[in-house]
Amino acid sequence: DEDLEKAGEIAAAQNLRGFHTLEFLVFKKGQAR
């Protein structure tokens, strides 16, 4: 249960960062915002 909880916490953090988070912040409908 401890590892499952830790894995969930890590995945939650990873879904808020990375190339695709920056992609959303920079692009809209294929163009720079």
Full PDB file with SEQRES, HELIX, SHEET, SSBOND, CRYST1, ORIGX, SCALE, CONECT and MASTER records, all heavy atoms in Angstrom:
SEQRES   1 A   33  ASP GLU ASP LEU GLU LYS ALA GLY GLU ILE ALA ALA ALA          
SEQRES   2 A   33  GLN ASN LEU ARG GLY PHE HIS THR LEU GLU PHE LEU VAL          
SEQRES   3 A   33  PHE LYS LYS GLY GLN ALA ARG                                  
HELIX    1 AA1 GLU A    2  GLN A   14  1                                  13    
HELIX    2 AA2 GLY A   18  VAL A   26  1                                   9    
SHEET    1 AA1 2 PHE A  27  LYS A  28  0                                        
SHEET    2 AA1 2 GLN A  31  ALA A  32 -1                                        
CRYST1    1.000    1.000    1.000  90.00  90.00  90.00 P 1           1          
ORIGX1      1.000000  0.000000  0.000000        0.00000                         
ORIGX2      0.000000  1.000000  0.000000        0.00000                         
ORIGX3      0.000000  0.000000  1.000000        0.00000                         
SCALE1      1.000000  0.000000  0.000000        0.00000                         
SCALE2      0.000000  1.000000  0.000000        0.00000                         
SCALE3      0.000000  0.000000  1.000000        0.00000                         
ATOM      1  N   ASP A   1       0.833  -1.202   0.000  1.00  0.00           N  
ATOM      2  CA  ASP A   1       0.000   0.000   0.000  1.00  0.00           C  
ATOM      3  C   ASP A   1       0.870   1.255   0.000  1.00  0.00           C  
ATOM      4  O   ASP A   1       0.531   2.251  -0.654  1.00  0.00           O  
ATOM      5  CB  ASP A   1      -0.920   0.001   1.222  1.00  0.00           C  
ATOM      6  CG  ASP A   1      -1.999  -1.065   1.137  1.00  0.00           C  
ATOM      7  OD1 ASP A   1      -2.235  -1.581   0.032  1.00  0.00           O  
ATOM      8  OD2 ASP A   1      -2.600  -1.393   2.190  1.00  0.00           O  
ATOM      9  N   GLU A   2       1.980   1.195   0.702  1.00  0.00           N  
ATOM     10  CA  GLU A   2       2.883   2.350   0.767  1.00  0.00           C  
ATOM     11  C   GLU A   2       3.465   2.659  -0.610  1.00  0.00           C  
ATOM     12  O   GLU A   2       3.525   3.830  -1.027  1.00  0.00           O  
ATOM     13  CB  GLU A   2       4.005   2.080   1.761  1.00  0.00           C  
ATOM     14  CG  GLU A   2       4.970   3.250   1.935  1.00  0.00           C  
ATOM     15  CD  GLU A   2       6.061   2.957   2.948  1.00  0.00           C  
ATOM     16  OE1 GLU A   2       6.057   1.850   3.539  1.00  0.00           O  
ATOM     17  OE2 GLU A   2       6.921   3.828   3.141  1.00  0.00           O  
ATOM     18  N   ASP A   3       3.892   1.609  -1.329  1.00  0.00           N  
ATOM     19  CA  ASP A   3       4.458   1.819  -2.661  1.00  0.00           C  
ATOM     20  C   ASP A   3       3.395   2.306  -3.640  1.00  0.00           C  
ATOM     21  O   ASP A   3       3.671   3.150  -4.507  1.00  0.00           O  
ATOM     22  CB  ASP A   3       5.096   0.541  -3.180  1.00  0.00           C  
ATOM     23  CG  ASP A   3       6.458   0.280  -2.564  1.00  0.00           C  
ATOM     24  OD1 ASP A   3       6.986   1.191  -1.897  1.00  0.00           O  
ATOM     25  OD2 ASP A   3       6.992  -0.824  -2.742  1.00  0.00           O  
ATOM     26  N   LEU A   4       2.181   1.784  -3.526  1.00  0.00           N  
ATOM     27  CA  LEU A   4       1.098   2.238  -4.389  1.00  0.00           C  
ATOM     28  C   LEU A   4       0.812   3.719  -4.165  1.00  0.00           C  
ATOM     29  O   LEU A   4       0.600   4.476  -5.111  1.00  0.00           O  
ATOM     30  CB  LEU A   4      -0.164   1.418  -4.141  1.00  0.00           C  
ATOM     31  CG  LEU A   4      -0.211   0.021  -4.767  1.00  0.00           C  
ATOM     32  CD1 LEU A   4      -1.401  -0.759  -4.227  1.00  0.00           C  
ATOM     33  CD2 LEU A   4      -0.280   0.109  -6.286  1.00  0.00           C  
ATOM     34  N   GLU A   5       0.807   4.124  -2.902  1.00  0.00           N  
ATOM     35  CA  GLU A   5       0.550   5.532  -2.592  1.00  0.00           C  
ATOM     36  C   GLU A   5       1.678   6.414  -3.134  1.00  0.00           C  
ATOM     37  O   GLU A   5       1.419   7.473  -3.719  1.00  0.00           O  
ATOM     38  CB  GLU A   5       0.416   5.712  -1.086  1.00  0.00           C  
ATOM     39  CG  GLU A   5       0.117   7.146  -0.665  1.00  0.00           C  
ATOM     40  CD  GLU A   5      -0.047   7.306   0.837  1.00  0.00           C  
ATOM     41  OE1 GLU A   5       0.078   6.298   1.567  1.00  0.00           O  
ATOM     42  OE2 GLU A   5      -0.290   8.443   1.291  1.00  0.00           O  
ATOM     43  N   LYS A   6       2.927   5.962  -2.939  1.00  0.00           N  
ATOM     44  CA  LYS A   6       4.059   6.730  -3.437  1.00  0.00           C  
ATOM     45  C   LYS A   6       4.039   6.827  -4.958  1.00  0.00           C  
ATOM     46  O   LYS A   6       4.283   7.896  -5.535  1.00  0.00           O  
ATOM     47  CB  LYS A   6       5.369   6.068  -2.978  1.00  0.00           C  
ATOM     48  CG  LYS A   6       6.631   6.762  -3.461  1.00  0.00           C  
ATOM     49  CD  LYS A   6       6.778   8.163  -2.888  1.00  0.00           C  
ATOM     50  CE  LYS A   6       8.116   8.770  -3.268  1.00  0.00           C  
ATOM     51  NZ  LYS A   6       8.271  10.148  -2.757  1.00  0.00           N  
ATOM     52  N   ALA A   7       3.719   5.722  -5.631  1.00  0.00           N  
ATOM     53  CA  ALA A   7       3.644   5.729  -7.091  1.00  0.00           C  
ATOM     54  C   ALA A   7       2.580   6.698  -7.572  1.00  0.00           C  
ATOM     55  O   ALA A   7       2.773   7.414  -8.562  1.00  0.00           O  
ATOM     56  CB  ALA A   7       3.352   4.324  -7.609  1.00  0.00           C  
ATOM     57  N   GLY A   8       1.454   6.736  -6.883  1.00  0.00           N  
ATOM     58  CA  GLY A   8       0.386   7.674  -7.250  1.00  0.00           C  
ATOM     59  C   GLY A   8       0.801   9.110  -7.071  1.00  0.00           C  
ATOM     60  O   GLY A   8       0.476   9.980  -7.895  1.00  0.00           O  
ATOM     61  N   GLU A   9       1.531   9.401  -5.995  1.00  0.00           N  
ATOM     62  CA  GLU A   9       2.000  10.767  -5.743  1.00  0.00           C  
ATOM     63  C   GLU A   9       2.991  11.205  -6.823  1.00  0.00           C  
ATOM     64  O   GLU A   9       2.943  12.348  -7.301  1.00  0.00           O  
ATOM     65  CB  GLU A   9       2.664  10.844  -4.364  1.00  0.00           C  
ATOM     66  CG  GLU A   9       1.700  10.678  -3.199  1.00  0.00           C  
ATOM     67  CD  GLU A   9       2.419  10.585  -1.870  1.00  0.00           C  
ATOM     68  OE1 GLU A   9       3.682  10.576  -1.869  1.00  0.00           O  
ATOM     69  OE2 GLU A   9       1.740  10.532  -0.824  1.00  0.00           O  
ATOM     70  N   ILE A  10       3.888  10.299  -7.201  1.00  0.00           N  
ATOM     71  CA  ILE A  10       4.865  10.625  -8.247  1.00  0.00           C  
ATOM     72  C   ILE A  10       4.156  10.881  -9.566  1.00  0.00           C  
ATOM     73  O   ILE A  10       4.434  11.868 -10.264  1.00  0.00           O  
ATOM     74  CB  ILE A  10       5.890   9.485  -8.392  1.00  0.00           C  
ATOM     75  CG1 ILE A  10       6.762   9.392  -7.137  1.00  0.00           C  
ATOM     76  CG2 ILE A  10       6.756   9.705  -9.629  1.00  0.00           C  
ATOM     77  CD1 ILE A  10       7.689   8.191  -7.124  1.00  0.00           C  
ATOM     78  N   ALA A  11       3.225  10.005  -9.940  1.00  0.00           N  
ATOM     79  CA  ALA A  11       2.504  10.179 -11.202  1.00  0.00           C  
ATOM     80  C   ALA A  11       1.717  11.472 -11.224  1.00  0.00           C  
ATOM     81  O   ALA A  11       1.652  12.163 -12.252  1.00  0.00           O  
ATOM     82  CB  ALA A  11       1.567   8.992 -11.429  1.00  0.00           C  
ATOM     83  N   ALA A  12       1.118  11.841 -10.089  1.00  0.00           N  
ATOM     84  CA  ALA A  12       0.358  13.092 -10.011  1.00  0.00           C  
ATOM     85  C   ALA A  12       1.267  14.286 -10.277  1.00  0.00           C  
ATOM     86  O   ALA A  12       0.879  15.236 -10.978  1.00  0.00           O  
ATOM     87  CB  ALA A  12      -0.317  13.213  -8.651  1.00  0.00           C  
ATOM     88  N   ALA A  13       2.484  14.251  -9.735  1.00  0.00           N  
ATOM     89  CA  ALA A  13       3.433  15.346  -9.967  1.00  0.00           C  
ATOM     90  C   ALA A  13       3.876  15.381 -11.424  1.00  0.00           C  
ATOM     91  O   ALA A  13       3.992  16.457 -12.035  1.00  0.00           O  
ATOM     92  CB  ALA A  13       4.648  15.186  -9.049  1.00  0.00           C  
ATOM     93  N   GLN A  14       4.113  14.207 -12.004  1.00  0.00           N  
ATOM     94  CA  GLN A  14       4.606  14.146 -13.384  1.00  0.00           C  
ATOM     95  C   GLN A  14       3.582  14.653 -14.387  1.00  0.00           C  
ATOM     96  O   GLN A  14       3.950  15.156 -15.451  1.00  0.00           O  
ATOM     97  CB  GLN A  14       5.013  12.707 -13.711  1.00  0.00           C  
ATOM     98  CG  GLN A  14       6.266  12.260 -12.955  1.00  0.00           C  
ATOM     99  CD  GLN A  14       6.567  10.794 -13.109  1.00  0.00           C  
ATOM    100  OE1 GLN A  14       5.655   9.971 -13.200  1.00  0.00           O  
ATOM    101  NE2 GLN A  14       7.840  10.438 -13.129  1.00  0.00           N  
ATOM    102  N   ASN A  15       2.316  14.545 -14.070  1.00  0.00           N  
ATOM    103  CA  ASN A  15       1.273  15.009 -14.986  1.00  0.00           C  
ATOM    104  C   ASN A  15       1.075  16.520 -14.942  1.00  0.00           C  
ATOM    105  O   ASN A  15       0.188  17.046 -15.626  1.00  0.00           O  
ATOM    106  CB  ASN A  15      -0.047  14.296 -14.682  1.00  0.00           C  
ATOM    107  CG  ASN A  15      -0.090  12.905 -15.263  1.00  0.00           C  
ATOM    108  OD1 ASN A  15      -0.130  12.712 -16.471  1.00  0.00           O  
ATOM    109  ND2 ASN A  15      -0.051  11.909 -14.398  1.00  0.00           N  
ATOM    110  N   LEU A  16       1.883  17.213 -14.170  1.00  0.00           N  
ATOM    111  CA  LEU A  16       1.781  18.667 -14.066  1.00  0.00           C  
ATOM    112  C   LEU A  16       3.007  19.363 -14.649  1.00  0.00           C  
ATOM    113  O   LEU A  16       3.123  20.581 -14.552  1.00  0.00           O  
ATOM    114  CB  LEU A  16       1.639  19.081 -12.589  1.00  0.00           C  
ATOM    115  CG  LEU A  16       0.434  18.511 -11.839  1.00  0.00           C  
ATOM    116  CD1 LEU A  16       0.548  18.822 -10.349  1.00  0.00           C  
ATOM    117  CD2 LEU A  16      -0.861  19.065 -12.396  1.00  0.00           C  
ATOM    118  N   ARG A  17       3.898  18.608 -15.278  1.00  0.00           N  
ATOM    119  CA  ARG A  17       5.176  19.149 -15.736  1.00  0.00           C  
ATOM    120  C   ARG A  17       5.502  18.565 -17.107  1.00  0.00           C  
ATOM    121  O   ARG A  17       4.687  17.916 -17.732  1.00  0.00           O  
ATOM    122  CB  ARG A  17       6.276  18.807 -14.733  1.00  0.00           C  
ATOM    123  CG  ARG A  17       6.449  17.302 -14.560  1.00  0.00           C  
ATOM    124  CD  ARG A  17       7.306  16.936 -13.372  1.00  0.00           C  
ATOM    125  NE  ARG A  17       8.733  17.063 -13.635  1.00  0.00           N  
ATOM    126  CZ  ARG A  17       9.671  16.826 -12.714  1.00  0.00           C  
ATOM    127  NH1 ARG A  17       9.331  16.484 -11.491  1.00  0.00           N  
ATOM    128  NH2 ARG A  17      10.947  16.958 -13.009  1.00  0.00           N  
ATOM    129  N   GLY A  18       6.702  18.814 -17.582  1.00  0.00           N  
ATOM    130  CA  GLY A  18       7.173  18.184 -18.807  1.00  0.00           C  
ATOM    131  C   GLY A  18       6.835  18.950 -20.072  1.00  0.00           C  
ATOM    132  O   GLY A  18       6.256  20.041 -20.054  1.00  0.00           O  
ATOM    133  N   PHE A  19       7.207  18.339 -21.193  1.00  0.00           N  
ATOM    134  CA  PHE A  19       7.028  18.973 -22.498  1.00  0.00           C  
ATOM    135  C   PHE A  19       5.585  19.374 -22.762  1.00  0.00           C  
ATOM    136  O   PHE A  19       5.316  20.453 -23.310  1.00  0.00           O  
ATOM    137  CB  PHE A  19       7.482  18.015 -23.605  1.00  0.00           C  
ATOM    138  CG  PHE A  19       8.963  17.999 -23.846  1.00  0.00           C  
ATOM    139  CD1 PHE A  19       9.700  16.837 -23.658  1.00  0.00           C  
ATOM    140  CD2 PHE A  19       9.622  19.138 -24.276  1.00  0.00           C  
ATOM    141  CE1 PHE A  19      11.058  16.818 -23.899  1.00  0.00           C  
ATOM    142  CE2 PHE A  19      10.989  19.133 -24.512  1.00  0.00           C  
ATOM    143  CZ  PHE A  19      11.706  17.959 -24.322  1.00  0.00           C  
ATOM    144  N   HIS A  20       4.637  18.529 -22.402  1.00  0.00           N  
ATOM    145  CA  HIS A  20       3.257  18.790 -22.812  1.00  0.00           C  
ATOM    146  C   HIS A  20       2.570  19.838 -21.941  1.00  0.00           C  
ATOM    147  O   HIS A  20       1.674  20.538 -22.407  1.00  0.00           O  
ATOM    148  CB  HIS A  20       2.473  17.491 -22.856  1.00  0.00           C  
ATOM    149  CG  HIS A  20       2.985  16.557 -23.908  1.00  0.00           C  
ATOM    150  ND1 HIS A  20       3.024  16.907 -25.247  1.00  0.00           N  
ATOM    151  CD2 HIS A  20       3.531  15.313 -23.824  1.00  0.00           C  
ATOM    152  CE1 HIS A  20       3.550  15.907 -25.938  1.00  0.00           C  
ATOM    153  NE2 HIS A  20       3.866  14.935 -25.099  1.00  0.00           N  
ATOM    154  N   THR A  21       2.986  19.971 -20.680  1.00  0.00           N  
ATOM    155  CA  THR A  21       2.492  21.084 -19.876  1.00  0.00           C  
ATOM    156  C   THR A  21       3.001  22.394 -20.463  1.00  0.00           C  
ATOM    157  O   THR A  21       2.243  23.361 -20.622  1.00  0.00           O  
ATOM    158  CB  THR A  21       2.957  20.943 -18.420  1.00  0.00           C  
ATOM    159  OG1 THR A  21       2.363  19.781 -17.843  1.00  0.00           O  
ATOM    160  CG2 THR A  21       2.547  22.161 -17.600  1.00  0.00           C  
ATOM    161  N   LEU A  22       4.284  22.430 -20.807  1.00  0.00           N  
ATOM    162  CA  LEU A  22       4.825  23.645 -21.418  1.00  0.00           C  
ATOM    163  C   LEU A  22       4.185  23.882 -22.780  1.00  0.00           C  
ATOM    164  O   LEU A  22       3.933  25.040 -23.161  1.00  0.00           O  
ATOM    165  CB  LEU A  22       6.342  23.525 -21.548  1.00  0.00           C  
ATOM    166  CG  LEU A  22       7.069  24.805 -21.979  1.00  0.00           C  
ATOM    167  CD1 LEU A  22       6.803  25.948 -21.002  1.00  0.00           C  
ATOM    168  CD2 LEU A  22       8.569  24.553 -22.094  1.00  0.00           C  
ATOM    169  N   GLU A  23       3.900  22.829 -23.489  1.00  0.00           N  
ATOM    170  CA  GLU A  23       3.225  22.957 -24.781  1.00  0.00           C  
ATOM    171  C   GLU A  23       1.889  23.684 -24.614  1.00  0.00           C  
ATOM    172  O   GLU A  23       1.569  24.601 -25.379  1.00  0.00           O  
ATOM    173  CB  GLU A  23       2.996  21.573 -25.381  1.00  0.00           C  
ATOM    174  CG  GLU A  23       2.270  21.585 -26.731  1.00  0.00           C  
ATOM    175  CD  GLU A  23       1.816  20.212 -27.160  1.00  0.00           C  
ATOM    176  OE1 GLU A  23       1.896  19.267 -26.345  1.00  0.00           O  
ATOM    177  OE2 GLU A  23       1.360  20.076 -28.311  1.00  0.00           O  
ATOM    178  N   PHE A  24       1.090  23.277 -23.619  1.00  0.00           N  
ATOM    179  CA  PHE A  24      -0.185  23.954 -23.383  1.00  0.00           C  
ATOM    180  C   PHE A  24       0.026  25.424 -23.038  1.00  0.00           C  
ATOM    181  O   PHE A  24      -0.708  26.297 -23.507  1.00  0.00           O  
ATOM    182  CB  PHE A  24      -0.971  23.277 -22.254  1.00  0.00           C  
ATOM    183  CG  PHE A  24      -2.061  24.150 -21.713  1.00  0.00           C  
ATOM    184  CD1 PHE A  24      -3.204  24.403 -22.461  1.00  0.00           C  
ATOM    185  CD2 PHE A  24      -1.943  24.769 -20.480  1.00  0.00           C  
ATOM    186  CE1 PHE A  24      -4.202  25.235 -21.986  1.00  0.00           C  
ATOM    187  CE2 PHE A  24      -2.926  25.605 -19.994  1.00  0.00           C  
ATOM    188  CZ  PHE A  24      -4.064  25.838 -20.747  1.00  0.00           C  
ATOM    189  N   LEU A  25       1.029  25.715 -22.227  1.00  0.00           N  
ATOM    190  CA  LEU A  25       1.266  27.088 -21.801  1.00  0.00           C  
ATOM    191  C   LEU A  25       1.758  27.975 -22.940  1.00  0.00           C  
ATOM    192  O   LEU A  25       1.576  29.192 -22.903  1.00  0.00           O  
ATOM    193  CB  LEU A  25       2.281  27.107 -20.652  1.00  0.00           C  
ATOM    194  CG  LEU A  25       1.826  26.440 -19.347  1.00  0.00           C  
ATOM    195  CD1 LEU A  25       3.005  26.303 -18.378  1.00  0.00           C  
ATOM    196  CD2 LEU A  25       0.701  27.234 -18.698  1.00  0.00           C  
ATOM    197  N   VAL A  26       2.355  27.375 -23.959  1.00  0.00           N  
ATOM    198  CA  VAL A  26       2.963  28.146 -25.057  1.00  0.00           C  
ATOM    199  C   VAL A  26       2.085  28.176 -26.306  1.00  0.00           C  
ATOM    200  O   VAL A  26       2.064  29.188 -27.016  1.00  0.00           O  
ATOM    201  CB  VAL A  26       4.352  27.566 -25.394  1.00  0.00           C  
ATOM    202  CG1 VAL A  26       4.913  28.195 -26.665  1.00  0.00           C  
ATOM    203  CG2 VAL A  26       5.310  27.784 -24.232  1.00  0.00           C  
ATOM    204  N   PHE A  27       1.339  27.080 -26.568  1.00  0.00           N  
ATOM    205  CA  PHE A  27       0.604  26.960 -27.829  1.00  0.00           C  
ATOM    206  C   PHE A  27      -0.907  27.016 -27.627  1.00  0.00           C  
ATOM    207  O   PHE A  27      -1.438  26.619 -26.594  1.00  0.00           O  
ATOM    208  CB  PHE A  27       0.928  25.627 -28.508  1.00  0.00           C  
ATOM    209  CG  PHE A  27       2.320  25.510 -29.041  1.00  0.00           C  
ATOM    210  CD1 PHE A  27       3.335  24.982 -28.240  1.00  0.00           C  
ATOM    211  CD2 PHE A  27       2.633  25.895 -30.327  1.00  0.00           C  
ATOM    212  CE1 PHE A  27       4.623  24.855 -28.715  1.00  0.00           C  
ATOM    213  CE2 PHE A  27       3.916  25.765 -30.819  1.00  0.00           C  
ATOM    214  CZ  PHE A  27       4.920  25.249 -30.016  1.00  0.00           C  
ATOM    215  N   LYS A  28      -1.574  27.469 -28.689  1.00  0.00           N  
ATOM    216  CA  LYS A  28      -3.033  27.408 -28.756  1.00  0.00           C  
ATOM    217  C   LYS A  28      -3.416  27.193 -30.222  1.00  0.00           C  
ATOM    218  O   LYS A  28      -3.059  27.990 -31.087  1.00  0.00           O  
ATOM    219  CB  LYS A  28      -3.669  28.693 -28.226  1.00  0.00           C  
ATOM    220  CG  LYS A  28      -5.199  28.641 -28.200  1.00  0.00           C  
ATOM    221  CD  LYS A  28      -5.776  29.898 -27.573  1.00  0.00           C  
ATOM    222  CE  LYS A  28      -7.302  29.823 -27.508  1.00  0.00           C  
ATOM    223  NZ  LYS A  28      -7.889  31.030 -26.879  1.00  0.00           N  
ATOM    224  N   LYS A  29      -4.094  26.092 -30.491  1.00  0.00           N  
ATOM    225  CA  LYS A  29      -4.533  25.752 -31.849  1.00  0.00           C  
ATOM    226  C   LYS A  29      -3.382  25.796 -32.851  1.00  0.00           C  
ATOM    227  O   LYS A  29      -3.487  26.318 -33.953  1.00  0.00           O  
ATOM    228  CB  LYS A  29      -5.662  26.681 -32.290  1.00  0.00           C  
ATOM    229  CG  LYS A  29      -6.925  26.553 -31.436  1.00  0.00           C  
ATOM    230  CD  LYS A  29      -8.040  27.424 -31.950  1.00  0.00           C  
ATOM    231  CE  LYS A  29      -9.291  27.272 -31.081  1.00  0.00           C  
ATOM    232  NZ  LYS A  29     -10.417  28.112 -31.547  1.00  0.00           N  
ATOM    233  N   GLY A  30      -2.246  25.218 -32.442  1.00  0.00           N  
ATOM    234  CA  GLY A  30      -1.137  25.064 -33.347  1.00  0.00           C  
ATOM    235  C   GLY A  30      -0.253  26.285 -33.526  1.00  0.00           C  
ATOM    236  O   GLY A  30       0.711  26.239 -34.281  1.00  0.00           O  
ATOM    237  N   GLN A  31      -0.585  27.361 -32.843  1.00  0.00           N  
ATOM    238  CA  GLN A  31       0.180  28.603 -32.960  1.00  0.00           C  
ATOM    239  C   GLN A  31       0.660  29.053 -31.579  1.00  0.00           C  
ATOM    240  O   GLN A  31       0.068  28.670 -30.565  1.00  0.00           O  
ATOM    241  CB  GLN A  31      -0.673  29.711 -33.586  1.00  0.00           C  
ATOM    242  CG  GLN A  31      -1.203  29.367 -34.971  1.00  0.00           C  
ATOM    243  CD  GLN A  31      -0.112  29.249 -36.015  1.00  0.00           C  
ATOM    244  OE1 GLN A  31       0.883  29.964 -35.966  1.00  0.00           O  
ATOM    245  NE2 GLN A  31      -0.299  28.344 -36.972  1.00  0.00           N  
ATOM    246  N   ALA A  32       1.704  29.843 -31.560  1.00  0.00           N  
ATOM    247  CA  ALA A  32       2.132  30.423 -30.296  1.00  0.00           C  
ATOM    248  C   ALA A  32       1.016  31.295 -29.730  1.00  0.00           C  
ATOM    249  O   ALA A  32       0.305  31.988 -30.472  1.00  0.00           O  
ATOM    250  CB  ALA A  32       3.399  31.249 -30.504  1.00  0.00           C  
ATOM    251  N   ARG A  33       0.828  31.215 -28.423  1.00  0.00           N  
ATOM    252  CA  ARG A  33      -0.160  32.100 -27.792  1.00  0.00           C  
ATOM    253  C   ARG A  33       0.237  33.560 -27.970  1.00  0.00           C  
ATOM    254  O   ARG A  33       1.367  33.864 -28.360  1.00  0.00           O  
ATOM    255  CB  ARG A  33      -0.282  31.759 -26.313  1.00  0.00           C  
ATOM    256  CG  ARG A  33      -0.969  30.423 -26.019  1.00  0.00           C  
ATOM    257  CD  ARG A  33      -1.108  30.210 -24.529  1.00  0.00           C  
ATOM    258  NE  ARG A  33      -1.719  28.921 -24.231  1.00  0.00           N  
ATOM    259  CZ  ARG A  33      -3.021  28.696 -24.132  1.00  0.00           C  
ATOM    260  NH1 ARG A  33      -3.879  29.711 -24.303  1.00  0.00           N  
ATOM    261  NH2 ARG A  33      -3.480  27.499 -23.838  1.00  0.00           N  
TER     262      ARG A  33                                                      
MASTER        0    0    0    2    2    0    0    6  261    1    0    3          
END                                                                             
